[in-house]
Each structure stands twice: as C-alpha cells, then as structure tokens.
PDB file of all heavy atoms in Angstrom:
ATOM      1  N   THR A   1     -21.147  -0.380   6.540  1.00  0.00           N
ATOM      2  CA  THR A   1     -22.132   0.106   7.506  1.00  0.00           C
ATOM      3  C   THR A   1     -23.442   0.530   6.849  1.00  0.00           C
ATOM      4  O   THR A   1     -24.363   0.964   7.547  1.00  0.00           O
ATOM      5  CB  THR A   1     -21.576   1.305   8.296  1.00  0.00           C
ATOM      6  OG1 THR A   1     -21.269   2.371   7.380  1.00  0.00           O
ATOM      7  CG2 THR A   1     -20.320   0.927   9.057  1.00  0.00           C
ATOM      8  N   SER A   2     -23.570   0.401   5.522  1.00  0.00           N
ATOM      9  CA  SER A   2     -24.737   0.974   4.846  1.00  0.00           C
ATOM     10  C   SER A   2     -26.034   0.248   5.173  1.00  0.00           C
ATOM     11  O   SER A   2     -27.119   0.823   5.075  1.00  0.00           O
ATOM     12  CB  SER A   2     -24.519   0.978   3.329  1.00  0.00           C
ATOM     13  OG  SER A   2     -24.453  -0.338   2.833  1.00  0.00           O
ATOM     14  N   ALA A   3     -25.958  -1.029   5.562  1.00  0.00           N
ATOM     15  CA  ALA A   3     -27.168  -1.788   5.874  1.00  0.00           C
ATOM     16  C   ALA A   3     -27.525  -1.728   7.362  1.00  0.00           C
ATOM     17  O   ALA A   3     -28.460  -2.400   7.797  1.00  0.00           O
ATOM     18  CB  ALA A   3     -26.993  -3.249   5.453  1.00  0.00           C
ATOM     19  N   LEU A   4     -26.800  -0.923   8.124  1.00  0.00           N
ATOM     20  CA  LEU A   4     -26.975  -0.915   9.573  1.00  0.00           C
ATOM     21  C   LEU A   4     -27.826   0.254  10.044  1.00  0.00           C
ATOM     22  O   LEU A   4     -27.811   1.345   9.452  1.00  0.00           O
ATOM     23  CB  LEU A   4     -25.608  -0.829  10.267  1.00  0.00           C
ATOM     24  CG  LEU A   4     -24.607  -1.948   9.966  1.00  0.00           C
ATOM     25  CD1 LEU A   4     -23.317  -1.691  10.726  1.00  0.00           C
ATOM     26  CD2 LEU A   4     -25.186  -3.304  10.326  1.00  0.00           C
ATOM     27  N   ASP A   5     -28.552   0.016  11.124  1.00  0.00           N
ATOM     28  CA  ASP A   5     -29.205   1.092  11.838  1.00  0.00           C
ATOM     29  C   ASP A   5     -28.126   2.055  12.342  1.00  0.00           C
ATOM     30  O   ASP A   5     -27.035   1.621  12.735  1.00  0.00           O
ATOM     31  CB  ASP A   5     -29.978   0.495  13.025  1.00  0.00           C
ATOM     32  CG  ASP A   5     -30.771   1.548  13.776  1.00  0.00           C
ATOM     33  OD1 ASP A   5     -30.143   2.269  14.582  1.00  0.00           O
ATOM     34  OD2 ASP A   5     -31.979   1.636  13.570  1.00  0.00           O
ATOM     35  N   PRO A   6     -28.377   3.377  12.326  1.00  0.00           N
ATOM     36  CA  PRO A   6     -27.357   4.337  12.766  1.00  0.00           C
ATOM     37  C   PRO A   6     -26.757   4.035  14.133  1.00  0.00           C
ATOM     38  O   PRO A   6     -25.596   4.338  14.390  1.00  0.00           O
ATOM     39  CB  PRO A   6     -28.116   5.673  12.769  1.00  0.00           C
ATOM     40  CG  PRO A   6     -29.183   5.505  11.744  1.00  0.00           C
ATOM     41  CD  PRO A   6     -29.594   4.065  11.841  1.00  0.00           C
ATOM     42  N   THR A   7     -27.551   3.438  15.032  1.00  0.00           N
ATOM     43  CA  THR A   7     -27.039   3.148  16.365  1.00  0.00           C
ATOM     44  C   THR A   7     -25.964   2.061  16.345  1.00  0.00           C
ATOM     45  O   THR A   7     -25.238   1.886  17.317  1.00  0.00           O
ATOM     46  CB  THR A   7     -28.175   2.704  17.302  1.00  0.00           C
ATOM     47  OG1 THR A   7     -28.797   1.527  16.775  1.00  0.00           O
ATOM     48  CG2 THR A   7     -29.217   3.796  17.443  1.00  0.00           C
ATOM     49  N   MET A   8     -25.868   1.288  15.249  1.00  0.00           N
ATOM     50  CA  MET A   8     -24.929   0.174  15.179  1.00  0.00           C
ATOM     51  C   MET A   8     -23.663   0.493  14.384  1.00  0.00           C
ATOM     52  O   MET A   8     -22.719  -0.291  14.382  1.00  0.00           O
ATOM     53  CB  MET A   8     -25.616  -1.050  14.541  1.00  0.00           C
ATOM     54  CG  MET A   8     -26.828  -1.540  15.300  1.00  0.00           C
ATOM     55  SD  MET A   8     -27.659  -2.875  14.422  1.00  0.00           S
ATOM     56  CE  MET A   8     -29.107  -3.105  15.461  1.00  0.00           C
ATOM     57  N   VAL A   9     -23.665   1.632  13.706  1.00  0.00           N
ATOM     58  CA  VAL A   9     -22.530   1.974  12.841  1.00  0.00           C
ATOM     59  C   VAL A   9     -21.233   2.029  13.633  1.00  0.00           C
ATOM     60  O   VAL A   9     -20.188   1.523  13.205  1.00  0.00           O
ATOM     61  CB  VAL A   9     -22.803   3.319  12.116  1.00  0.00           C
ATOM     62  CG1 VAL A   9     -21.532   3.818  11.423  1.00  0.00           C
ATOM     63  CG2 VAL A   9     -23.929   3.157  11.101  1.00  0.00           C
ATOM     64  N   GLY A  10     -21.294   2.641  14.820  1.00  0.00           N
ATOM     65  CA  GLY A  10     -20.088   2.797  15.631  1.00  0.00           C
ATOM     66  C   GLY A  10     -19.450   1.482  16.026  1.00  0.00           C
ATOM     67  O   GLY A  10     -18.226   1.391  16.168  1.00  0.00           O
ATOM     68  N   GLU A  11     -20.262   0.421  16.206  1.00  0.00           N
ATOM     69  CA  GLU A  11     -19.724  -0.896  16.554  1.00  0.00           C
ATOM     70  C   GLU A  11     -18.736  -1.372  15.489  1.00  0.00           C
ATOM     71  O   GLU A  11     -17.683  -1.939  15.797  1.00  0.00           O
ATOM     72  CB  GLU A  11     -20.851  -1.933  16.645  1.00  0.00           C
ATOM     73  CG  GLU A  11     -21.873  -1.711  17.721  1.00  0.00           C
ATOM     74  CD  GLU A  11     -22.955  -2.788  17.676  1.00  0.00           C
ATOM     75  OE1 GLU A  11     -22.696  -3.873  17.118  1.00  0.00           O
ATOM     76  OE2 GLU A  11     -24.059  -2.546  18.192  1.00  0.00           O
ATOM     77  N   VAL A  12     -19.128  -1.169  14.236  1.00  0.00           N
ATOM     78  CA  VAL A  12     -18.334  -1.685  13.121  1.00  0.00           C
ATOM     79  C   VAL A  12     -17.141  -0.777  12.836  1.00  0.00           C
ATOM     80  O   VAL A  12     -16.015  -1.255  12.628  1.00  0.00           O
ATOM     81  CB  VAL A  12     -19.216  -1.854  11.865  1.00  0.00           C
ATOM     82  CG1 VAL A  12     -18.382  -2.273  10.653  1.00  0.00           C
ATOM     83  CG2 VAL A  12     -20.310  -2.888  12.144  1.00  0.00           C
ATOM     84  N   THR A  13     -17.362   0.534  12.823  1.00  0.00           N
ATOM     85  CA  THR A  13     -16.244   1.441  12.533  1.00  0.00           C
ATOM     86  C   THR A  13     -15.166   1.346  13.611  1.00  0.00           C
ATOM     87  O   THR A  13     -13.981   1.502  13.315  1.00  0.00           O
ATOM     88  CB  THR A  13     -16.729   2.897  12.386  1.00  0.00           C
ATOM     89  OG1 THR A  13     -17.425   3.298  13.575  1.00  0.00           O
ATOM     90  CG2 THR A  13     -17.652   3.033  11.188  1.00  0.00           C
ATOM     91  N   ALA A  14     -15.549   1.067  14.867  1.00  0.00           N
ATOM     92  CA  ALA A  14     -14.553   0.918  15.933  1.00  0.00           C
ATOM     93  C   ALA A  14     -13.632  -0.268  15.656  1.00  0.00           C
ATOM     94  O   ALA A  14     -12.416  -0.190  15.881  1.00  0.00           O
ATOM     95  CB  ALA A  14     -15.239   0.749  17.280  1.00  0.00           C
ATOM     96  N   VAL A  15     -14.200  -1.371  15.148  1.00  0.00           N
ATOM     97  CA  VAL A  15     -13.378  -2.546  14.818  1.00  0.00           C
ATOM     98  C   VAL A  15     -12.429  -2.223  13.669  1.00  0.00           C
ATOM     99  O   VAL A  15     -11.243  -2.590  13.699  1.00  0.00           O
ATOM    100  CB  VAL A  15     -14.285  -3.745  14.464  1.00  0.00           C
ATOM    101  CG1 VAL A  15     -13.448  -4.906  13.910  1.00  0.00           C
ATOM    102  CG2 VAL A  15     -15.064  -4.207  15.684  1.00  0.00           C
ATOM    103  N   ILE A  16     -12.927  -1.520  12.654  1.00  0.00           N
ATOM    104  CA  ILE A  16     -12.080  -1.181  11.505  1.00  0.00           C
ATOM    105  C   ILE A  16     -10.966  -0.226  11.929  1.00  0.00           C
ATOM    106  O   ILE A  16      -9.807  -0.351  11.486  1.00  0.00           O
ATOM    107  CB  ILE A  16     -12.927  -0.583  10.367  1.00  0.00           C
ATOM    108  CG1 ILE A  16     -13.968  -1.602   9.897  1.00  0.00           C
ATOM    109  CG2 ILE A  16     -12.041  -0.160   9.197  1.00  0.00           C
ATOM    110  CD1 ILE A  16     -14.967  -1.057   8.887  1.00  0.00           C
ATOM    111  N   LYS A  17     -11.284   0.732  12.795  1.00  0.00           N
ATOM    112  CA  LYS A  17     -10.245   1.644  13.309  1.00  0.00           C
ATOM    113  C   LYS A  17      -9.152   0.865  14.042  1.00  0.00           C
ATOM    114  O   LYS A  17      -7.963   1.182  13.909  1.00  0.00           O
ATOM    115  CB  LYS A  17     -10.868   2.681  14.248  1.00  0.00           C
ATOM    116  CG  LYS A  17     -11.681   3.753  13.546  1.00  0.00           C
ATOM    117  CD  LYS A  17     -12.362   4.652  14.569  1.00  0.00           C
ATOM    118  CE  LYS A  17     -13.278   5.653  13.911  1.00  0.00           C
ATOM    119  NZ  LYS A  17     -14.031   6.464  14.894  1.00  0.00           N
ATOM    120  N   ARG A  18      -9.556  -0.136  14.793  1.00  0.00           N
ATOM    121  CA  ARG A  18      -8.573  -0.949  15.517  1.00  0.00           C
ATOM    122  C   ARG A  18      -7.670  -1.686  14.539  1.00  0.00           C
ATOM    123  O   ARG A  18      -6.452  -1.763  14.742  1.00  0.00           O
ATOM    124  CB  ARG A  18      -9.288  -1.935  16.436  1.00  0.00           C
ATOM    125  CG  ARG A  18      -8.347  -2.827  17.228  1.00  0.00           C
ATOM    126  CD  ARG A  18      -9.077  -3.642  18.262  1.00  0.00           C
ATOM    127  NE  ARG A  18      -8.184  -4.542  18.962  1.00  0.00           N
ATOM    128  CZ  ARG A  18      -8.536  -5.290  19.991  1.00  0.00           C
ATOM    129  NH1 ARG A  18      -9.771  -5.241  20.450  1.00  0.00           N
ATOM    130  NH2 ARG A  18      -7.661  -6.088  20.579  1.00  0.00           N
ATOM    131  N   LEU A  19      -8.232  -2.234  13.468  1.00  0.00           N
ATOM    132  CA  LEU A  19      -7.424  -2.907  12.443  1.00  0.00           C
ATOM    133  C   LEU A  19      -6.433  -1.936  11.813  1.00  0.00           C
ATOM    134  O   LEU A  19      -5.287  -2.293  11.544  1.00  0.00           O
ATOM    135  CB  LEU A  19      -8.328  -3.511  11.360  1.00  0.00           C
ATOM    136  CG  LEU A  19      -9.228  -4.674  11.780  1.00  0.00           C
ATOM    137  CD1 LEU A  19     -10.127  -5.073  10.621  1.00  0.00           C
ATOM    138  CD2 LEU A  19      -8.396  -5.867  12.237  1.00  0.00           C
ATOM    139  N   ALA A  20      -6.891  -0.701  11.581  1.00  0.00           N
ATOM    140  CA  ALA A  20      -5.996   0.311  11.010  1.00  0.00           C
ATOM    141  C   ALA A  20      -4.821   0.580  11.943  1.00  0.00           C
ATOM    142  O   ALA A  20      -3.664   0.671  11.500  1.00  0.00           O
ATOM    143  CB  ALA A  20      -6.771   1.595  10.736  1.00  0.00           C
ATOM    144  N   LEU A  21      -5.101   0.697  13.238  1.00  0.00           N
ATOM    145  CA  LEU A  21      -4.034   0.943  14.216  1.00  0.00           C
ATOM    146  C   LEU A  21      -3.047  -0.219  14.269  1.00  0.00           C
ATOM    147  O   LEU A  21      -1.861  -0.029  14.562  1.00  0.00           O
ATOM    148  CB  LEU A  21      -4.636   1.174  15.604  1.00  0.00           C
ATOM    149  CG  LEU A  21      -5.408   2.484  15.793  1.00  0.00           C
ATOM    150  CD1 LEU A  21      -6.124   2.489  17.145  1.00  0.00           C
ATOM    151  CD2 LEU A  21      -4.471   3.684  15.686  1.00  0.00           C
ATOM    152  N   GLU A  22      -3.541  -1.436  13.974  1.00  0.00           N
ATOM    153  CA  GLU A  22      -2.671  -2.614  13.996  1.00  0.00           C
ATOM    154  C   GLU A  22      -1.906  -2.808  12.690  1.00  0.00           C
ATOM    155  O   GLU A  22      -1.128  -3.753  12.561  1.00  0.00           O
ATOM    156  CB  GLU A  22      -3.516  -3.860  14.298  1.00  0.00           C
ATOM    157  CG  GLU A  22      -4.074  -3.862  15.723  1.00  0.00           C
ATOM    158  CD  GLU A  22      -5.074  -4.983  15.971  1.00  0.00           C
ATOM    159  OE1 GLU A  22      -5.439  -5.686  14.986  1.00  0.00           O
ATOM    160  OE2 GLU A  22      -5.492  -5.164  17.132  1.00  0.00           O
ATOM    161  N   GLY A  23      -2.142  -1.927  11.701  1.00  0.00           N
ATOM    162  CA  GLY A  23      -1.351  -1.970  10.473  1.00  0.00           C
ATOM    163  C   GLY A  23      -1.946  -2.766   9.330  1.00  0.00           C
ATOM    164  O   GLY A  23      -1.263  -3.009   8.329  1.00  0.00           O
ATOM    165  N   MET A  24      -3.215  -3.179   9.437  1.00  0.00           N
ATOM    166  CA  MET A  24      -3.847  -3.925   8.353  1.00  0.00           C
ATOM    167  C   MET A  24      -4.012  -3.030   7.121  1.00  0.00           C
ATOM    168  O   MET A  24      -4.482  -1.900   7.232  1.00  0.00           O
ATOM    169  CB  MET A  24      -5.208  -4.467   8.798  1.00  0.00           C
ATOM    170  CG  MET A  24      -6.027  -5.115   7.693  1.00  0.00           C
ATOM    171  SD  MET A  24      -5.260  -6.583   6.945  1.00  0.00           S
ATOM    172  CE  MET A  24      -5.514  -7.791   8.265  1.00  0.00           C
ATOM    173  N   THR A  25      -3.629  -3.538   5.964  1.00  0.00           N
ATOM    174  CA  THR A  25      -3.869  -2.834   4.710  1.00  0.00           C
ATOM    175  C   THR A  25      -5.350  -2.956   4.368  1.00  0.00           C
ATOM    176  O   THR A  25      -5.907  -4.052   4.392  1.00  0.00           O
ATOM    177  CB  THR A  25      -3.023  -3.439   3.581  1.00  0.00           C
ATOM    178  OG1 THR A  25      -1.657  -3.491   3.998  1.00  0.00           O
ATOM    179  CG2 THR A  25      -3.131  -2.607   2.318  1.00  0.00           C
ATOM    180  N   MET A  26      -5.993  -1.830   4.030  1.00  0.00           N
ATOM    181  CA  MET A  26      -7.431  -1.860   3.781  1.00  0.00           C
ATOM    182  C   MET A  26      -7.822  -0.900   2.663  1.00  0.00           C
ATOM    183  O   MET A  26      -7.210   0.161   2.489  1.00  0.00           O
ATOM    184  CB  MET A  26      -8.207  -1.489   5.052  1.00  0.00           C
ATOM    185  CG  MET A  26      -8.081  -2.502   6.171  1.00  0.00           C
ATOM    186  SD  MET A  26      -9.116  -2.124   7.613  1.00  0.00           S
ATOM    187  CE  MET A  26      -8.122  -0.857   8.397  1.00  0.00           C
ATOM    188  N   ALA A  27      -8.856  -1.297   1.923  1.00  0.00           N
ATOM    189  CA  ALA A  27      -9.529  -0.408   0.971  1.00  0.00           C
ATOM    190  C   ALA A  27     -11.008  -0.446   1.327  1.00  0.00           C
ATOM    191  O   ALA A  27     -11.601  -1.523   1.411  1.00  0.00           O
ATOM    192  CB  ALA A  27      -9.303  -0.864  -0.465  1.00  0.00           C
ATOM    193  N   ILE A  28     -11.602   0.728   1.538  1.00  0.00           N
ATOM    194  CA  ILE A  28     -12.940   0.820   2.113  1.00  0.00           C
ATOM    195  C   ILE A  28     -13.797   1.769   1.285  1.00  0.00           C
ATOM    196  O   ILE A  28     -13.453   2.951   1.128  1.00  0.00           O
ATOM    197  CB  ILE A  28     -12.883   1.342   3.562  1.00  0.00           C
ATOM    198  CG1 ILE A  28     -11.893   0.542   4.411  1.00  0.00           C
ATOM    199  CG2 ILE A  28     -14.275   1.338   4.193  1.00  0.00           C
ATOM    200  CD1 ILE A  28     -11.484   1.235   5.706  1.00  0.00           C
ATOM    201  N   VAL A  29     -14.904   1.265   0.757  1.00  0.00           N
ATOM    202  CA  VAL A  29     -15.919   2.131   0.161  1.00  0.00           C
ATOM    203  C   VAL A  29     -16.875   2.521   1.276  1.00  0.00           C
ATOM    204  O   VAL A  29     -17.422   1.650   1.964  1.00  0.00           O
ATOM    205  CB  VAL A  29     -16.682   1.409  -0.967  1.00  0.00           C
ATOM    206  CG1 VAL A  29     -17.847   2.271  -1.457  1.00  0.00           C
ATOM    207  CG2 VAL A  29     -15.754   1.095  -2.133  1.00  0.00           C
ATOM    208  N   THR A  30     -17.078   3.819   1.474  1.00  0.00           N
ATOM    209  CA  THR A  30     -17.904   4.255   2.607  1.00  0.00           C
ATOM    210  C   THR A  30     -18.607   5.566   2.316  1.00  0.00           C
ATOM    211  O   THR A  30     -18.131   6.387   1.515  1.00  0.00           O
ATOM    212  CB  THR A  30     -17.053   4.398   3.885  1.00  0.00           C
ATOM    213  OG1 THR A  30     -17.903   4.722   4.988  1.00  0.00           O
ATOM    214  CG2 THR A  30     -15.994   5.475   3.729  1.00  0.00           C
ATOM    215  N   HIS A  31     -19.746   5.757   2.982  1.00  0.00           N
ATOM    216  CA  HIS A  31     -20.443   7.046   2.985  1.00  0.00           C
ATOM    217  C   HIS A  31     -20.292   7.740   4.338  1.00  0.00           C
ATOM    218  O   HIS A  31     -20.859   8.821   4.538  1.00  0.00           O
ATOM    219  CB  HIS A  31     -21.930   6.846   2.681  1.00  0.00           C
ATOM    220  CG  HIS A  31     -22.206   6.476   1.260  1.00  0.00           C
ATOM    221  ND1 HIS A  31     -22.044   7.346   0.201  1.00  0.00           N
ATOM    222  CD2 HIS A  31     -22.617   5.307   0.703  1.00  0.00           C
ATOM    223  CE1 HIS A  31     -22.362   6.752  -0.928  1.00  0.00           C
ATOM    224  NE2 HIS A  31     -22.709   5.508  -0.654  1.00  0.00           N
ATOM    225  N   GLU A  32     -19.550   7.132   5.258  1.00  0.00           N
ATOM    226  CA  GLU A  32     -19.337   7.713   6.588  1.00  0.00           C
ATOM    227  C   GLU A  32     -18.131   8.651   6.524  1.00  0.00           C
ATOM    228  O   GLU A  32     -16.976   8.245   6.646  1.00  0.00           O
ATOM    229  CB  GLU A  32     -19.098   6.608   7.622  1.00  0.00           C
ATOM    230  CG  GLU A  32     -20.252   5.640   7.791  1.00  0.00           C
ATOM    231  CD  GLU A  32     -21.410   6.259   8.543  1.00  0.00           C
ATOM    232  OE1 GLU A  32     -21.187   7.215   9.320  1.00  0.00           O
ATOM    233  OE2 GLU A  32     -22.541   5.786   8.350  1.00  0.00           O
ATOM    234  N   MET A  33     -18.397   9.943   6.325  1.00  0.00           N
ATOM    235  CA  MET A  33     -17.314  10.882   6.035  1.00  0.00           C
ATOM    236  C   MET A  33     -16.406  11.143   7.238  1.00  0.00           C
ATOM    237  O   MET A  33     -15.195  11.275   7.077  1.00  0.00           O
ATOM    238  CB  MET A  33     -17.888  12.207   5.518  1.00  0.00           C
ATOM    239  CG  MET A  33     -18.560  12.085   4.167  1.00  0.00           C
ATOM    240  SD  MET A  33     -17.449  11.499   2.856  1.00  0.00           S
ATOM    241  CE  MET A  33     -18.081   9.846   2.616  1.00  0.00           C
ATOM    242  N   GLU A  34     -16.979  11.227   8.432  1.00  0.00           N
ATOM    243  CA  GLU A  34     -16.134  11.455   9.607  1.00  0.00           C
ATOM    244  C   GLU A  34     -15.215  10.258   9.828  1.00  0.00           C
ATOM    245  O   GLU A  34     -14.045  10.410  10.184  1.00  0.00           O
ATOM    246  CB  GLU A  34     -17.001  11.719  10.838  1.00  0.00           C
ATOM    247  CG  GLU A  34     -16.231  12.264  12.031  1.00  0.00           C
ATOM    248  CD  GLU A  34     -15.605  13.628  11.785  1.00  0.00           C
ATOM    249  OE1 GLU A  34     -16.096  14.379  10.919  1.00  0.00           O
ATOM    250  OE2 GLU A  34     -14.613  13.937  12.456  1.00  0.00           O
ATOM    251  N   PHE A  35     -15.745   9.079   9.596  1.00  0.00           N
ATOM    252  CA  PHE A  35     -14.947   7.855   9.672  1.00  0.00           C
ATOM    253  C   PHE A  35     -13.830   7.887   8.633  1.00  0.00           C
ATOM    254  O   PHE A  35     -12.672   7.587   8.934  1.00  0.00           O
ATOM    255  CB  PHE A  35     -15.864   6.650   9.462  1.00  0.00           C
ATOM    256  CG  PHE A  35     -15.153   5.344   9.207  1.00  0.00           C
ATOM    257  CD1 PHE A  35     -14.409   4.737  10.202  1.00  0.00           C
ATOM    258  CD2 PHE A  35     -15.242   4.721   7.975  1.00  0.00           C
ATOM    259  CE1 PHE A  35     -13.756   3.530   9.977  1.00  0.00           C
ATOM    260  CE2 PHE A  35     -14.604   3.514   7.739  1.00  0.00           C
ATOM    261  CZ  PHE A  35     -13.862   2.928   8.739  1.00  0.00           C
ATOM    262  N   ALA A  36     -14.161   8.266   7.393  1.00  0.00           N
ATOM    263  CA  ALA A  36     -13.148   8.350   6.327  1.00  0.00           C
ATOM    264  C   ALA A  36     -12.048   9.342   6.700  1.00  0.00           C
ATOM    265  O   ALA A  36     -10.862   9.086   6.498  1.00  0.00           O
ATOM    266  CB  ALA A  36     -13.802   8.746   5.005  1.00  0.00           C
ATOM    267  N   ARG A  37     -12.447  10.457   7.263  1.00  0.00           N
ATOM    268  CA  ARG A  37     -11.474  11.473   7.664  1.00  0.00           C
ATOM    269  C   ARG A  37     -10.522  10.944   8.743  1.00  0.00           C
ATOM    270  O   ARG A  37      -9.319  11.201   8.722  1.00  0.00           O
ATOM    271  CB  ARG A  37     -12.202  12.717   8.186  1.00  0.00           C
ATOM    272  CG  ARG A  37     -11.286  13.878   8.541  1.00  0.00           C
ATOM    273  CD  ARG A  37     -11.982  14.829   9.507  1.00  0.00           C
ATOM    274  NE  ARG A  37     -13.120  15.485   8.936  1.00  0.00           N
ATOM    275  CZ  ARG A  37     -13.083  16.721   8.421  1.00  0.00           C
ATOM    276  NH1 ARG A  37     -11.960  17.403   8.422  1.00  0.00           N
ATOM    277  NH2 ARG A  37     -14.177  17.281   7.941  1.00  0.00           N
ATOM    278  N   ASN A  38     -11.071  10.182   9.686  1.00  0.00           N
ATOM    279  CA  ASN A  38     -10.283   9.764  10.851  1.00  0.00           C
ATOM    280  C   ASN A  38      -9.407   8.546  10.590  1.00  0.00           C
ATOM    281  O   ASN A  38      -8.356   8.393  11.213  1.00  0.00           O
ATOM    282  CB  ASN A  38     -11.215   9.467  12.029  1.00  0.00           C
ATOM    283  CG  ASN A  38     -11.842  10.718  12.597  1.00  0.00           C
ATOM    284  OD1 ASN A  38     -11.304  11.816  12.458  1.00  0.00           O
ATOM    285  ND2 ASN A  38     -12.993  10.576  13.223  1.00  0.00           N
ATOM    286  N   VAL A  39      -9.827   7.644   9.710  1.00  0.00           N
ATOM    287  CA  VAL A  39      -9.145   6.352   9.579  1.00  0.00           C
ATOM    288  C   VAL A  39      -8.189   6.291   8.384  1.00  0.00           C
ATOM    289  O   VAL A  39      -7.283   5.471   8.354  1.00  0.00           O
ATOM    290  CB  VAL A  39     -10.178   5.204   9.496  1.00  0.00           C
ATOM    291  CG1 VAL A  39     -10.778   5.094   8.095  1.00  0.00           C
ATOM    292  CG2 VAL A  39      -9.561   3.881   9.923  1.00  0.00           C
ATOM    293  N   SER A  40      -8.369   7.161   7.394  1.00  0.00           N
ATOM    294  CA  SER A  40      -7.667   7.008   6.116  1.00  0.00           C
ATOM    295  C   SER A  40      -6.228   7.505   6.152  1.00  0.00           C
ATOM    296  O   SER A  40      -5.914   8.481   6.828  1.00  0.00           O
ATOM    297  CB  SER A  40      -8.393   7.783   5.012  1.00  0.00           C
ATOM    298  OG  SER A  40      -9.749   7.468   4.963  1.00  0.00           O
TER     299      SER A  40
END
C-alpha cells in the first residue's frame, strides 16, 4: 500500500484480510500498523 493514495489503502487491505480469512499463508512488509495488528 506504500505507493497508494490514503483513500485507496483500504481497497487493498480488505482483499488481503479476505485472503487471511480463507487461510492463505502470507508474509507482508507493511507500515500500516492497524492493519498489521488486525490481520497478523
């Protein structure tokens, strides 16, 4: 999400959260701390 306008960040994090709920194994470098807290 680092190259995105703040208004677009949620579009991408929502997709990644959905993948997490579906059981996809993931490693994510991020500066979005609330996202890291919720998805990890």
